[in-house]
C-alpha atoms as a PDB file:
ATOM      1  CA  MET A   1     141.656  11.880 111.298  1.00  0.00           C
ATOM      2  CA  LYS A   2     139.811  12.810 114.568  1.00  0.00           C
ATOM      3  CA  ARG A   3     142.500  15.522 115.877  1.00  0.00           C
ATOM      4  CA  ASP A   4     142.999  17.561 112.589  1.00  0.00           C
ATOM      5  CA  TYR A   5     139.052  17.355 112.607  1.00  0.00           C
ATOM      6  CA  ILE A   6     139.097  19.064 115.682  1.00  0.00           C
ATOM      7  CA  ALA A   7     141.726  21.760 114.878  1.00  0.00           C
ATOM      8  CA  VAL A   8     139.796  22.442 111.669  1.00  0.00           C
ATOM      9  CA  SER A   9     136.731  23.122 114.169  1.00  0.00           C
ATOM     10  CA  LYS A  10     138.235  24.966 116.830  1.00  0.00           C
ATOM     11  CA  SER A  11     140.061  27.385 113.712  1.00  0.00           C
ATOM     12  CA  ALA A  12     136.402  27.694 111.809  1.00  0.00           C
ATOM     13  CA  SER A  13     134.373  28.681 115.435  1.00  0.00           C
ATOM     14  CA  ILE A  14     137.594  31.391 116.170  1.00  0.00           C
ATOM     15  CA  ASN A  15     137.055  32.240 113.081  1.00  0.00           C
ATOM     16  CA  THR A  16     133.122  32.825 113.123  1.00  0.00           C
ATOM     17  CA  LEU A  17     133.603  34.593 116.581  1.00  0.00           C
ATOM     18  CA  THR A  18     136.095  36.722 114.963  1.00  0.00           C
ATOM     19  CA  ALA A  19     133.847  37.832 111.768  1.00  0.00           C
ATOM     20  CA  MET A  20     130.970  38.470 114.311  1.00  0.00           C
ATOM     21  CA  MET A  21     133.127  40.746 116.820  1.00  0.00           C
ATOM     22  CA  LEU A  22     134.003  42.614 113.870  1.00  0.00           C
ATOM     23  CA  ILE A  23     130.597  43.352 112.625  1.00  0.00           C
ATOM     24  CA  LYS A  24     129.483  44.524 115.818  1.00  0.00           C
ATOM     25  CA  VAL A  25     132.638  46.563 116.385  1.00  0.00           C
ATOM     26  CA  ALA A  26     131.750  48.130 112.443  1.00  0.00           C
ATOM     27  CA  LEU A  27     127.640  48.509 113.553  1.00  0.00           C
ATOM     28  CA  PHE A  28     128.858  50.144 116.986  1.00  0.00           C
ATOM     29  CA  ILE A  29     130.791  52.581 115.144  1.00  0.00           C
ATOM     30  CA  LEU A  30     127.882  53.540 112.137  1.00  0.00           C
ATOM     31  CA  VAL A  31     125.721  54.099 115.311  1.00  0.00           C
ATOM     32  CA  PHE A  32     127.542  56.046 117.061  1.00  0.00           C
ATOM     33  CA  PHE A  33     128.592  57.920 113.980  1.00  0.00           C
ATOM     34  CA  ALA A  34     125.142  58.452 112.707  1.00  0.00           C
ATOM     35  CA  ALA A  35     124.179  59.484 116.402  1.00  0.00           C
ATOM     36  CA  GLY A  36     125.552  62.721 115.928  1.00  0.00           C
ATOM     37  CA  CYS A  37     123.811  63.575 112.850  1.00  0.00           C
ATOM     38  CA  MET A  38     120.366  63.080 113.938  1.00  0.00           C
ATOM     39  CA  PRO A  39     118.058  64.168 116.786  1.00  0.00           C
ATOM     40  CA  ALA A  40     117.882  62.132 119.622  1.00  0.00           C
ATOM     41  CA  SER A  41     113.981  61.861 119.521  1.00  0.00           C
ATOM     42  CA  TYR A  42     110.914  62.605 117.792  1.00  0.00           C
ATOM     43  CA  ASP A  43     110.162  65.147 120.025  1.00  0.00           C
ATOM     44  CA  GLN A  44     114.015  66.466 119.453  1.00  0.00           C
ATOM     45  CA  GLU A  45     113.128  66.771 115.467  1.00  0.00           C
ATOM     46  CA  LYS A  46     109.627  68.288 116.002  1.00  0.00           C
ATOM     47  CA  GLU A  47     111.942  71.274 118.020  1.00  0.00           C
ATOM     48  CA  GLU A  48     114.440  71.427 115.284  1.00  0.00           C
ATOM     49  CA  MET A  49     111.697  71.645 112.410  1.00  0.00           C
ATOM     50  CA  GLN A  50     109.747  73.972 114.524  1.00  0.00           C
ATOM     51  CA  ASN A  51     113.292  76.473 114.982  1.00  0.00           C
ATOM     52  CA  THR A  52     114.389  75.955 111.905  1.00  0.00           C
ATOM     53  CA  ALA A  53     110.486  77.879 110.598  1.00  0.00           C
ATOM     54  CA  GLY A  54     110.795  80.076 112.978  1.00  0.00           C
ATOM     55  CA  GLU A  55     113.619  81.445 111.483  1.00  0.00           C
ATOM     56  CA  CYS A  56     112.807  80.971 107.968  1.00  0.00           C
ATOM     57  CA  SER A  57     109.791  82.907 108.869  1.00  0.00           C
ATOM     58  CA  GLU A  58     111.964  85.789 110.328  1.00  0.00           C
ATOM     59  CA  ALA A  59     114.406  86.199 107.673  1.00  0.00           C
ATOM     60  CA  LEU A  60     110.464  86.403 105.540  1.00  0.00           C
ATOM     61  CA  ASP A  61     109.396  88.932 107.881  1.00  0.00           C
ATOM     62  CA  ASN A  62     112.615  90.808 107.570  1.00  0.00           C
ATOM     63  CA  ASP A  63     112.494  90.980 104.027  1.00  0.00           C
ATOM     64  CA  GLN A  64     109.438  92.002 103.792  1.00  0.00           C
ATOM     65  CA  SER A  65     110.204  94.438 106.526  1.00  0.00           C
ATOM     66  CA  LEU A  66     113.195  95.854 103.977  1.00  0.00           C
ATOM     67  CA  ILE A  67     110.070  95.932 101.098  1.00  0.00           C
ATOM     68  CA  LYS A  68     108.023  98.064 103.020  1.00  0.00           C
ATOM     69  CA  ASP A  69     110.603 100.217 103.907  1.00  0.00           C
ATOM     70  CA  ASP A  70     112.195 100.772 100.178  1.00  0.00           C
ATOM     71  CA  HIS A  71     108.525 101.560  99.332  1.00  0.00           C
ATOM     72  CA  LYS A  72     108.117 104.441 101.920  1.00  0.00           C
ATOM     73  CA  ASN A  73     111.447 105.639 101.047  1.00  0.00           C
ATOM     74  CA  GLU A  74     110.664 105.579  97.333  1.00  0.00           C
ATOM     75  CA  THR A  75     107.459 107.279  98.456  1.00  0.00           C
ATOM     76  CA  GLU A  76     109.776 110.276 100.558  1.00  0.00           C
ATOM     77  CA  ILE A  77     111.949 110.591  97.809  1.00  0.00           C
ATOM     78  CA  SER A  78     109.799 111.196  94.757  1.00  0.00           C
ATOM     79  CA  THR A  79     107.875 113.933  97.287  1.00  0.00           C
ATOM     80  CA  SER A  80     110.812 115.717  98.895  1.00  0.00           C
ATOM     81  CA  SER A  81     112.690 116.621  95.719  1.00  0.00           C
ATOM     82  CA  GLN A  82     113.851 120.462  95.325  1.00  0.00           C
ATOM     83  CA  LEU A  83     110.896 122.585  93.728  1.00  0.00           C
ATOM     84  CA  GLU A  84     110.590 126.223  93.202  1.00  0.00           C
ATOM     85  CA  PRO A  85     107.918 127.677  95.659  1.00  0.00           C
ATOM     86  CA  VAL A  86     105.013 129.598  94.758  1.00  0.00           C
ATOM     87  CA  THR A  87     104.705 133.085  96.767  1.00  0.00           C
ATOM     88  CA  THR A  88     101.560 134.577  94.438  1.00  0.00           C
ATOM     89  CA  GLU A  89      97.985 133.431  94.454  1.00  0.00           C
ATOM     90  CA  VAL A  90      97.081 130.246  92.314  1.00  0.00           C
ATOM     91  CA  LEU A  91      93.538 129.814  91.089  1.00  0.00           C
ATOM     92  CA  LEU A  92      92.048 127.245  89.341  1.00  0.00           C
ATOM     93  CA  ASN A  93      89.332 127.073  87.060  1.00  0.00           C
ATOM     94  CA  LEU A  94      89.119 123.769  85.160  1.00  0.00           C
ATOM     95  CA  TRP A  95      89.612 120.528  86.968  1.00  0.00           C
ATOM     96  CA  GLU A  96      92.301 118.116  86.009  1.00  0.00           C
ATOM     97  CA  PRO A  97      93.671 114.790  86.671  1.00  0.00           C
ATOM     98  CA  MET A  98      95.356 114.758  90.251  1.00  0.00           C
ATOM     99  CA  ARG A  99      97.392 113.056  91.936  1.00  0.00           C
ATOM    100  CA  LEU A 100      97.250 112.169  96.074  1.00  0.00           C
ATOM    101  CA  ILE A 101     100.488 111.416  97.934  1.00  0.00           C
ATOM    102  CA  ILE A 102     100.799 110.847 101.888  1.00  0.00           C
ATOM    103  CA  PRO A 103     104.089 109.278 102.858  1.00  0.00           C
ATOM    104  CA  ALA A 104     103.080 109.177 106.708  1.00  0.00           C
ATOM    105  CA  ILE A 105     100.906 105.841 105.279  1.00  0.00           C
ATOM    106  CA  ASP A 106     102.821 105.039 102.222  1.00  0.00           C
ATOM    107  CA  LEU A 107      99.412 106.217 100.316  1.00  0.00           C
ATOM    108  CA  ASP A 108     100.187 107.450  96.452  1.00  0.00           C
ATOM    109  CA  TYR A 109      96.982 107.692  94.064  1.00  0.00           C
ATOM    110  CA  GLU A 110      95.509 109.238  91.000  1.00  0.00           C
ATOM    111  CA  VAL A 111      92.051 111.327  91.720  1.00  0.00           C
ATOM    112  CA  THR A 112      89.463 110.836  89.542  1.00  0.00           C
ATOM    113  CA  SER A 113      86.371 113.264  89.564  1.00  0.00           C
ATOM    114  CA  ASP A 114      82.397 112.176  89.878  1.00  0.00           C
ATOM    115  CA  ARG A 115      82.027 115.562  87.505  1.00  0.00           C
ATOM    116  CA  TYR A 116      80.317 113.365  84.475  1.00  0.00           C
ATOM    117  CA  SER A 117      77.952 111.650  86.979  1.00  0.00           C
ATOM    118  CA  TYR A 118      75.508 114.514  86.745  1.00  0.00           C
ATOM    119  CA  ASN A 119      74.877 117.664  85.398  1.00  0.00           C
ATOM    120  CA  PRO A 120      74.967 120.770  87.798  1.00  0.00           C
ATOM    121  CA  GLU A 121      73.058 123.247  85.383  1.00  0.00           C
ATOM    122  CA  LYS A 122      70.326 120.659  85.313  1.00  0.00           C
ATOM    123  CA  VAL A 123      69.974 119.091  88.803  1.00  0.00           C
ATOM    124  CA  GLY A 124      71.876 121.589  91.133  1.00  0.00           C
ATOM    125  CA  ASN A 125      75.464 121.223  92.549  1.00  0.00           C
ATOM    126  CA  GLU A 126      74.250 120.178  95.876  1.00  0.00           C
ATOM    127  CA  PRO A 127      73.467 115.853  95.856  1.00  0.00           C
ATOM    128  CA  TRP A 128      72.113 115.829  99.206  1.00  0.00           C
ATOM    129  CA  ASN A 129      69.108 118.183  98.065  1.00  0.00           C
ATOM    130  CA  PHE A 130      68.582 115.866  95.072  1.00  0.00           C
ATOM    131  CA  SER A 131      65.733 114.094  94.157  1.00  0.00           C
ATOM    132  CA  SER A 132      65.744 110.180  95.006  1.00  0.00           C
ATOM    133  CA  GLU A 133      66.050 109.447  91.542  1.00  0.00           C
ATOM    134  CA  ASP A 134      69.014 112.236  90.810  1.00  0.00           C
ATOM    135  CA  TYR A 135      70.963 111.007  93.911  1.00  0.00           C
ATOM    136  CA  ASN A 136      70.206 107.362  93.396  1.00  0.00           C
ATOM    137  CA  SER A 137      71.422 107.574  90.026  1.00  0.00           C
ATOM    138  CA  TRP A 138      74.523 110.062  91.028  1.00  0.00           C
ATOM    139  CA  ILE A 139      75.353 107.286  93.738  1.00  0.00           C
ATOM    140  CA  ARG A 140      75.600 104.407  91.188  1.00  0.00           C
ATOM    141  CA  GLU A 141      77.823 106.602  89.045  1.00  0.00           C
ATOM    142  CA  LEU A 142      80.103 107.292  92.086  1.00  0.00           C
ATOM    143  CA  MET A 143      80.276 103.741  93.757  1.00  0.00           C
ATOM    144  CA  ALA A 144      82.022 102.921  90.139  1.00  0.00           C
ATOM    145  CA  LEU A 145      84.524 105.342  90.357  1.00  0.00           C
ATOM    146  CA  LEU A 146      85.089 104.685  94.158  1.00  0.00           C
ATOM    147  CA  SER A 147      86.152 101.064  93.032  1.00  0.00           C
ATOM    148  CA  GLU A 148      88.857 102.308  90.886  1.00  0.00           C
ATOM    149  CA  GLY A 149      90.405 104.986  93.975  1.00  0.00           C
ATOM    150  CA  PRO A 150      89.776 108.204  95.561  1.00  0.00           C
ATOM    151  CA  VAL A 151      87.170 110.639  93.683  1.00  0.00           C
ATOM    152  CA  HIS A 152      87.103 114.200  94.175  1.00  0.00           C
ATOM    153  CA  TYR A 153      83.632 115.603  94.466  1.00  0.00           C
ATOM    154  CA  GLN A 154      82.460 118.276  91.740  1.00  0.00           C
ATOM    155  CA  PHE A 155      80.815 120.521  93.785  1.00  0.00           C
ATOM    156  CA  SER A 156      83.587 121.413  96.047  1.00  0.00           C
ATOM    157  CA  ALA A 157      86.247 123.415  95.778  1.00  0.00           C
ATOM    158  CA  LEU A 158      89.484 123.059  93.512  1.00  0.00           C
ATOM    159  CA  PRO A 159      93.019 123.554  94.803  1.00  0.00           C
ATOM    160  CA  GLY A 160      94.563 126.962  95.185  1.00  0.00           C
ATOM    161  CA  THR A 161      95.341 129.391  97.413  1.00  0.00           C
ATOM    162  CA  GLN A 162      92.125 131.176  98.007  1.00  0.00           C
ATOM    163  CA  PRO A 163      89.228 129.814 100.781  1.00  0.00           C
ATOM    164  CA  GLY A 164      87.819 126.865  99.725  1.00  0.00           C
ATOM    165  CA  ASN A 165      87.173 122.985 100.954  1.00  0.00           C
ATOM    166  CA  VAL A 166      88.770 120.788  98.508  1.00  0.00           C
ATOM    167  CA  ALA A 167      86.818 117.327  99.169  1.00  0.00           C
ATOM    168  CA  ILE A 168      87.619 114.296  98.407  1.00  0.00           C
ATOM    169  CA  ALA A 169      85.939 110.376  98.968  1.00  0.00           C
ATOM    170  CA  GLY A 170      87.694 107.248  99.133  1.00  0.00           C
ATOM    171  CA  HIS A 171      86.867 103.548 100.240  1.00  0.00           C
ATOM    172  CA  SER A 172      87.871 102.167 103.244  1.00  0.00           C
ATOM    173  CA  PRO A 173      86.685  98.350 103.949  1.00  0.00           C
ATOM    174  CA  SER A 174      87.356  95.441 101.544  1.00  0.00           C
ATOM    175  CA  PRO A 175      88.075  94.962  99.168  1.00  0.00           C
ATOM    176  CA  TRP A 176      89.622  98.365  98.031  1.00  0.00           C
ATOM    177  CA  TYR A 177      91.343  99.775 101.189  1.00  0.00           C
ATOM    178  CA  HIS A 178      92.188 103.095  99.685  1.00  0.00           C
ATOM    179  CA  PHE A 179      91.734 104.324 102.563  1.00  0.00           C
ATOM    180  CA  TYR A 180      92.249 102.403 105.067  1.00  0.00           C
ATOM    181  CA  ASP A 181      94.863 103.976 107.182  1.00  0.00           C
ATOM    182  CA  LEU A 182      93.771 107.525 106.977  1.00  0.00           C
ATOM    183  CA  ASP A 183      93.022 106.914 110.607  1.00  0.00           C
ATOM    184  CA  ARG A 184      96.316 106.377 111.275  1.00  0.00           C
ATOM    185  CA  LEU A 185      97.197 110.240 110.429  1.00  0.00           C
ATOM    186  CA  ASN A 186      98.409 112.394 112.884  1.00  0.00           C
ATOM    187  CA  GLU A 187      97.984 116.244 113.087  1.00  0.00           C
ATOM    188  CA  GLY A 188     101.258 117.997 111.235  1.00  0.00           C
ATOM    189  CA  ASP A 189     101.325 114.925 108.539  1.00  0.00           C
ATOM    190  CA  LYS A 190     101.959 116.252 105.622  1.00  0.00           C
ATOM    191  CA  ILE A 191      99.483 115.707 102.446  1.00  0.00           C
ATOM    192  CA  PHE A 192     100.683 116.336  98.855  1.00  0.00           C
ATOM    193  CA  LEU A 193      98.040 116.701  96.250  1.00  0.00           C
ATOM    194  CA  GLU A 194      99.586 117.193  92.500  1.00  0.00           C
ATOM    195  CA  THR A 195      97.558 119.279  89.554  1.00  0.00           C
ATOM    196  CA  ALA A 196      97.750 121.642  86.876  1.00  0.00           C
ATOM    197  CA  GLY A 197     101.580 121.552  87.256  1.00  0.00           C
ATOM    198  CA  TYR A 198     101.705 122.477  90.671  1.00  0.00           C
ATOM    199  CA  ARG A 199     102.196 120.458  93.953  1.00  0.00           C
ATOM    200  CA  PHE A 200      99.643 121.861  97.225  1.00  0.00           C
ATOM    201  CA  VAL A 201     101.246 120.921 100.656  1.00  0.00           C
ATOM    202  CA  TYR A 202      98.468 120.200 103.210  1.00  0.00           C
ATOM    203  CA  ARG A 203      99.151 119.236 107.021  1.00  0.00           C
ATOM    204  CA  VAL A 204      96.709 117.398 108.901  1.00  0.00           C
ATOM    205  CA  LYS A 205      94.140 119.983 111.126  1.00  0.00           C
ATOM    206  CA  SER A 206      92.215 117.852 112.794  1.00  0.00           C
ATOM    207  CA  TYR A 207      89.731 114.430 112.166  1.00  0.00           C
ATOM    208  CA  GLU A 208      85.794 113.882 112.793  1.00  0.00           C
ATOM    209  CA  ILE A 209      83.510 110.866 113.405  1.00  0.00           C
ATOM    210  CA  VAL A 210      79.998 111.876 111.891  1.00  0.00           C
ATOM    211  CA  ASP A 211      76.581 110.421 110.966  1.00  0.00           C
ATOM    212  CA  LYS A 212      76.814 108.933 106.858  1.00  0.00           C
ATOM    213  CA  TYR A 213      74.041 111.775 106.299  1.00  0.00           C
ATOM    214  CA  ASN A 214      76.358 114.851 107.675  1.00  0.00           C
ATOM    215  CA  TRP A 215      77.570 116.626 104.693  1.00  0.00           C
ATOM    216  CA  ASN A 216      78.543 119.742 106.633  1.00  0.00           C
ATOM    217  CA  PRO A 217      81.994 118.523 106.711  1.00  0.00           C
ATOM    218  CA  LEU A 218      82.743 118.841 103.265  1.00  0.00           C
ATOM    219  CA  LEU A 219      80.882 122.456 102.625  1.00  0.00           C
ATOM    220  CA  GLU A 220      82.872 125.527 102.188  1.00  0.00           C
ATOM    221  CA  THR A 221      85.560 126.837 104.519  1.00  0.00           C
ATOM    222  CA  ASP A 222      87.387 129.903 105.019  1.00  0.00           C
ATOM    223  CA  TYR A 223      90.718 129.011 104.771  1.00  0.00           C
ATOM    224  CA  PRO A 224      92.141 126.372 101.670  1.00  0.00           C
ATOM    225  CA  ALA A 225      91.078 123.119 103.160  1.00  0.00           C
ATOM    226  CA  LEU A 226      91.516 119.684 102.194  1.00  0.00           C
ATOM    227  CA  THR A 227      88.838 116.906 103.279  1.00  0.00           C
ATOM    228  CA  PHE A 228      88.937 113.430 103.003  1.00  0.00           C
ATOM    229  CA  GLN A 229      85.632 111.652 103.447  1.00  0.00           C
ATOM    230  CA  THR A 230      85.563 107.537 104.328  1.00  0.00           C
ATOM    231  CA  CYS A 231      83.598 104.778 105.856  1.00  0.00           C
ATOM    232  CA  HIS A 232      83.510 104.184 109.046  1.00  0.00           C
ATOM    233  CA  PRO A 233      84.134 101.913 110.990  1.00  0.00           C
ATOM    234  CA  LYS A 234      86.701 100.771 108.134  1.00  0.00           C
ATOM    235  CA  ASP A 235      86.239  96.649 109.126  1.00  0.00           C
ATOM    236  CA  TYR A 236      82.389  97.058 108.635  1.00  0.00           C
ATOM    237  CA  GLN A 237      80.830  94.089 107.579  1.00  0.00           C
ATOM    238  CA  GLY A 238      78.166  95.055 105.818  1.00  0.00           C
ATOM    239  CA  TYR A 239      77.248  96.892 102.675  1.00  0.00           C
ATOM    240  CA  ASP A 240      77.131 100.750 103.825  1.00  0.00           C
ATOM    241  CA  PRO A 241      78.764 101.409 106.928  1.00  0.00           C
ATOM    242  CA  PRO A 242      76.550 103.864 109.457  1.00  0.00           C
ATOM    243  CA  GLU A 243      78.912 106.608 109.710  1.00  0.00           C
ATOM    244  CA  ARG A 244      81.981 108.444 108.023  1.00  0.00           C
ATOM    245  CA  LEU A 245      85.413 109.677 108.898  1.00  0.00           C
ATOM    246  CA  MET A 246      86.409 113.071 108.194  1.00  0.00           C
ATOM    247  CA  VAL A 247      90.147 114.082 108.080  1.00  0.00           C
ATOM    248  CA  ARG A 248      90.333 117.810 107.537  1.00  0.00           C
ATOM    249  CA  ALA A 249      94.105 119.396 106.349  1.00  0.00           C
ATOM    250  CA  ARG A 250      95.049 123.152 105.547  1.00  0.00           C
ATOM    251  CA  LEU A 251      96.855 124.666 102.711  1.00  0.00           C
ATOM    252  CA  ASP A 252     100.525 125.252 103.939  1.00  0.00           C
ATOM    253  CA  GLU A 253     102.696 125.708 100.980  1.00  0.00           C
ATOM    254  CA  VAL A 254     102.424 125.572  96.999  1.00  0.00           C
ATOM    255  CA  TYR A 255     105.597 124.670  94.608  1.00  0.00           C
ATOM    256  CA  LEU A 256     105.559 124.284  90.937  1.00  0.00           C
ATOM    257  CA  LEU A 257     106.119 120.894  89.597  1.00  0.00           C
ATOM    258  CA  SER A 258     109.716 120.243  87.760  1.00  0.00           C
ATOM    259  CA  GLU A 259     108.574 119.580  84.006  1.00  0.00           C
END
């Protein structure tokens, strides 16, 4: 009986050792394969997460770049269609809605007018000579219009082939940004102003920075001109920037718009 008991005990011990060894082998195999799928440390995990985030950010930037490029291409296509050139004189007498397109800075806006903000027959057509009351009334109306987009000054010329200065104002600062990128324009850049069935093509000629009370750049010219007025500096933190950026362009071509 004693020998049998010893034999059974030895057999049980061997089975136990075998089981333990098998468990250890299984654990080793599990850890070995798991290690290939997991970062070796927290730092490695953090690094991999950052790399992944960077790849995602880069992909997003690429997508946004493509969107911007597509938008620019759409603008270029819409402004480069084959139109019939006009070789005769164009003289407009009545204001009509305008569309302003500047492909170089992806700008495309409808232009309104301040023609209802004051009556030239009663107060004249030179806002810089208005009385304080009339001037403040005009400014209130003008600011409301500018919040919607660029505004053509009624004291200035209408587009045409005759000498005259088409003056258009627009906001640069937040939250409007209508003319925010005007300072990126270069000499020779094309500007399209569409109205009354015509497309007037201007080319940037020059720009200057003047005091906010200086209206001289908006006065009449001895050639067909277009002048933009906007706040400067464009990132000014306050109600009314002290200066104005003036961009001057000269008429280059006129086309008939397709019906």
